[in-house]
N, C-alpha and C. Protein backbone atom coordinates (compact mmCIF):
# COMPACT_ATOMS: atom_id res chain seq x y z
N MET A 1 31.29 18.02 -23.03
CA MET A 1 30.10 17.22 -23.23
C MET A 1 29.52 16.86 -21.88
N THR A 2 28.24 16.87 -21.82
CA THR A 2 27.54 16.45 -20.62
C THR A 2 26.85 15.13 -20.92
N ALA A 3 26.96 14.18 -20.00
CA ALA A 3 26.31 12.88 -20.17
C ALA A 3 25.50 12.57 -18.92
N THR A 4 24.40 11.90 -19.12
CA THR A 4 23.57 11.48 -18.00
C THR A 4 23.65 9.97 -17.90
N VAL A 5 23.88 9.49 -16.68
CA VAL A 5 24.01 8.06 -16.46
C VAL A 5 23.06 7.68 -15.33
N ARG A 6 22.31 6.63 -15.54
CA ARG A 6 21.42 6.13 -14.50
C ARG A 6 22.13 4.98 -13.79
N LEU A 7 22.21 5.09 -12.47
CA LEU A 7 22.87 4.07 -11.67
C LEU A 7 21.88 3.45 -10.70
N ASP A 8 22.02 2.14 -10.49
CA ASP A 8 21.17 1.51 -9.48
C ASP A 8 21.72 1.88 -8.10
N ASP A 9 21.01 1.48 -7.07
CA ASP A 9 21.39 1.86 -5.71
C ASP A 9 22.78 1.35 -5.33
N THR A 10 23.12 0.15 -5.78
CA THR A 10 24.43 -0.43 -5.45
C THR A 10 25.56 0.39 -6.05
N LEU A 11 25.44 0.74 -7.33
CA LEU A 11 26.48 1.55 -7.98
C LEU A 11 26.52 2.96 -7.40
N THR A 12 25.37 3.50 -7.08
CA THR A 12 25.33 4.83 -6.47
C THR A 12 26.10 4.83 -5.15
N ASP A 13 25.86 3.80 -4.35
CA ASP A 13 26.56 3.68 -3.07
C ASP A 13 28.06 3.54 -3.27
N LYS A 14 28.46 2.70 -4.24
CA LYS A 14 29.89 2.52 -4.52
C LYS A 14 30.53 3.83 -4.99
N LEU A 15 29.82 4.54 -5.85
CA LEU A 15 30.35 5.81 -6.35
C LEU A 15 30.51 6.82 -5.21
N GLU A 16 29.54 6.90 -4.36
CA GLU A 16 29.61 7.83 -3.23
C GLU A 16 30.75 7.47 -2.28
N LYS A 17 30.94 6.18 -2.01
CA LYS A 17 32.02 5.75 -1.12
C LYS A 17 33.38 6.02 -1.75
N LEU A 18 33.53 5.72 -3.05
CA LEU A 18 34.80 6.00 -3.73
C LEU A 18 35.10 7.49 -3.75
N SER A 19 34.09 8.26 -4.07
CA SER A 19 34.24 9.71 -4.12
C SER A 19 34.71 10.25 -2.78
N SER A 20 34.10 9.77 -1.73
CA SER A 20 34.48 10.22 -0.38
C SER A 20 35.89 9.74 -0.02
N LYS A 21 36.17 8.48 -0.29
CA LYS A 21 37.46 7.90 0.07
C LYS A 21 38.61 8.56 -0.69
N LEU A 22 38.37 8.88 -1.96
CA LEU A 22 39.42 9.47 -2.80
C LEU A 22 39.44 11.00 -2.73
N HIS A 23 38.46 11.57 -2.04
CA HIS A 23 38.33 13.04 -1.95
C HIS A 23 38.26 13.65 -3.36
N LYS A 24 37.42 13.03 -4.19
CA LYS A 24 37.21 13.52 -5.56
C LYS A 24 35.72 13.69 -5.79
N LYS A 25 35.41 14.53 -6.77
CA LYS A 25 34.03 14.68 -7.19
C LYS A 25 33.58 13.38 -7.85
N LYS A 26 32.29 13.12 -7.79
CA LYS A 26 31.75 11.92 -8.42
C LYS A 26 32.07 11.91 -9.92
N SER A 27 31.96 13.06 -10.55
CA SER A 27 32.24 13.13 -11.99
C SER A 27 33.70 12.79 -12.28
N ASP A 28 34.61 13.15 -11.38
CA ASP A 28 36.03 12.80 -11.56
C ASP A 28 36.24 11.30 -11.43
N VAL A 29 35.55 10.69 -10.49
CA VAL A 29 35.65 9.24 -10.31
C VAL A 29 35.13 8.53 -11.56
N ILE A 30 34.02 9.01 -12.10
CA ILE A 30 33.46 8.41 -13.31
C ILE A 30 34.41 8.58 -14.48
N ARG A 31 34.99 9.76 -14.64
CA ARG A 31 35.96 9.99 -15.73
C ARG A 31 37.17 9.05 -15.57
N ASP A 32 37.67 8.93 -14.34
CA ASP A 32 38.80 8.04 -14.09
C ASP A 32 38.44 6.59 -14.43
N ALA A 33 37.24 6.19 -14.08
CA ALA A 33 36.78 4.82 -14.34
C ALA A 33 36.70 4.56 -15.85
N ILE A 34 36.18 5.52 -16.60
CA ILE A 34 36.09 5.35 -18.05
C ILE A 34 37.49 5.29 -18.66
N THR A 35 38.39 6.14 -18.21
CA THR A 35 39.77 6.13 -18.70
C THR A 35 40.43 4.79 -18.41
N PHE A 36 40.28 4.30 -17.18
CA PHE A 36 40.86 3.01 -16.79
C PHE A 36 40.29 1.88 -17.65
N TYR A 37 38.98 1.88 -17.84
CA TYR A 37 38.32 0.85 -18.65
C TYR A 37 38.82 0.88 -20.08
N ALA A 38 38.92 2.08 -20.65
CA ALA A 38 39.40 2.21 -22.03
C ALA A 38 40.83 1.69 -22.16
N GLN A 39 41.69 2.02 -21.20
CA GLN A 39 43.08 1.54 -21.23
C GLN A 39 43.14 0.03 -21.09
N THR A 40 42.28 -0.53 -20.26
CA THR A 40 42.25 -1.98 -20.06
C THR A 40 41.80 -2.69 -21.33
N VAL A 41 40.78 -2.17 -21.97
CA VAL A 41 40.30 -2.76 -23.23
C VAL A 41 41.38 -2.67 -24.29
N GLU A 42 42.04 -1.53 -24.39
CA GLU A 42 43.12 -1.33 -25.37
C GLU A 42 44.26 -2.32 -25.12
N ALA A 43 44.66 -2.47 -23.87
CA ALA A 43 45.75 -3.40 -23.53
C ALA A 43 45.34 -4.84 -23.85
N SER A 44 44.11 -5.19 -23.58
CA SER A 44 43.62 -6.54 -23.88
C SER A 44 43.64 -6.78 -25.38
N HIS A 45 43.21 -5.78 -26.14
CA HIS A 45 43.19 -5.89 -27.60
C HIS A 45 44.60 -6.07 -28.14
N LYS A 46 45.54 -5.27 -27.64
CA LYS A 46 46.93 -5.38 -28.07
C LYS A 46 47.50 -6.75 -27.72
N SER A 47 47.15 -7.25 -26.55
CA SER A 47 47.63 -8.56 -26.10
C SER A 47 47.12 -9.66 -27.02
N LYS A 48 45.85 -9.59 -27.41
CA LYS A 48 45.29 -10.59 -28.31
C LYS A 48 45.96 -10.54 -29.67
N ILE A 49 46.23 -9.34 -30.16
CA ILE A 49 46.91 -9.20 -31.45
C ILE A 49 48.32 -9.77 -31.36
N GLN A 50 49.03 -9.46 -30.27
CA GLN A 50 50.39 -9.96 -30.08
C GLN A 50 50.41 -11.49 -30.04
N LYS A 51 49.45 -12.09 -29.34
CA LYS A 51 49.38 -13.55 -29.27
C LYS A 51 49.12 -14.14 -30.65
N ALA A 52 48.26 -13.51 -31.43
CA ALA A 52 47.97 -13.99 -32.78
C ALA A 52 49.21 -13.90 -33.67
N VAL A 53 49.95 -12.81 -33.55
CA VAL A 53 51.18 -12.64 -34.33
C VAL A 53 52.20 -13.72 -33.95
N GLU A 54 52.35 -13.96 -32.66
CA GLU A 54 53.30 -14.98 -32.20
C GLU A 54 52.89 -16.37 -32.70
N LYS A 55 51.59 -16.64 -32.71
CA LYS A 55 51.10 -17.93 -33.19
C LYS A 55 51.42 -18.10 -34.68
N VAL A 56 51.21 -17.05 -35.46
CA VAL A 56 51.50 -17.11 -36.89
C VAL A 56 53.00 -17.26 -37.12
N MET A 57 53.79 -16.53 -36.33
CA MET A 57 55.25 -16.63 -36.48
C MET A 57 55.71 -18.05 -36.18
N HIS A 58 55.15 -18.68 -35.16
CA HIS A 58 55.52 -20.05 -34.81
C HIS A 58 55.12 -21.01 -35.93
N ALA A 59 53.92 -20.85 -36.45
CA ALA A 59 53.45 -21.71 -37.55
C ALA A 59 54.33 -21.53 -38.78
N ASP A 60 54.70 -20.28 -39.08
CA ASP A 60 55.57 -20.02 -40.23
C ASP A 60 56.94 -20.65 -40.03
N LYS A 61 57.44 -20.60 -38.80
CA LYS A 61 58.75 -21.19 -38.51
C LYS A 61 58.70 -22.70 -38.71
N CYS A 62 57.63 -23.33 -38.26
CA CYS A 62 57.48 -24.78 -38.45
C CYS A 62 57.43 -25.13 -39.92
N GLU A 63 56.68 -24.37 -40.69
CA GLU A 63 56.59 -24.60 -42.14
C GLU A 63 57.95 -24.41 -42.80
N TYR A 64 58.68 -23.39 -42.38
CA TYR A 64 60.01 -23.13 -42.92
C TYR A 64 60.95 -24.30 -42.64
N GLU A 65 60.89 -24.81 -41.40
CA GLU A 65 61.77 -25.93 -41.04
C GLU A 65 61.44 -27.18 -41.85
N ILE A 66 60.14 -27.42 -42.09
CA ILE A 66 59.75 -28.56 -42.93
C ILE A 66 60.29 -28.38 -44.34
N LEU A 67 60.11 -27.18 -44.90
CA LEU A 67 60.58 -26.90 -46.25
C LEU A 67 62.10 -27.01 -46.32
N GLU A 68 62.79 -26.48 -45.32
CA GLU A 68 64.25 -26.54 -45.29
C GLU A 68 64.72 -27.99 -45.24
N GLY A 69 64.03 -28.82 -44.46
CA GLY A 69 64.39 -30.24 -44.38
C GLY A 69 64.20 -30.93 -45.70
N THR A 70 63.13 -30.58 -46.42
CA THR A 70 62.87 -31.16 -47.73
C THR A 70 63.96 -30.75 -48.72
N LEU A 71 64.36 -29.49 -48.65
CA LEU A 71 65.43 -29.02 -49.56
C LEU A 71 66.75 -29.70 -49.25
N ASP A 72 67.02 -29.92 -47.98
CA ASP A 72 68.25 -30.59 -47.57
C ASP A 72 68.28 -32.04 -48.05
N ASP A 73 67.11 -32.63 -48.22
CA ASP A 73 67.04 -34.02 -48.69
C ASP A 73 67.29 -34.11 -50.19
N GLY A 74 67.41 -32.98 -50.84
CA GLY A 74 67.70 -32.95 -52.27
C GLY A 74 66.49 -32.96 -53.15
N ILE A 75 65.36 -32.73 -52.57
CA ILE A 75 64.14 -32.71 -53.40
C ILE A 75 63.90 -31.31 -53.89
């Protein structure tokens, strides 16, 4: 697939400097950047899901302890 991207002067300069510094084609730098961004978004998404699961597990544990205490009281 071929894609066209319009960059302002600042991004163009950054891309050219990175390309030169890394000894890579500009298109390779762009592909690497997209891959890195996608991995970062995926990791962030997984982290948010993990935090939500942990929060639910903690809430469930608290509810269980309350229920267990009530059962121990003979109710």
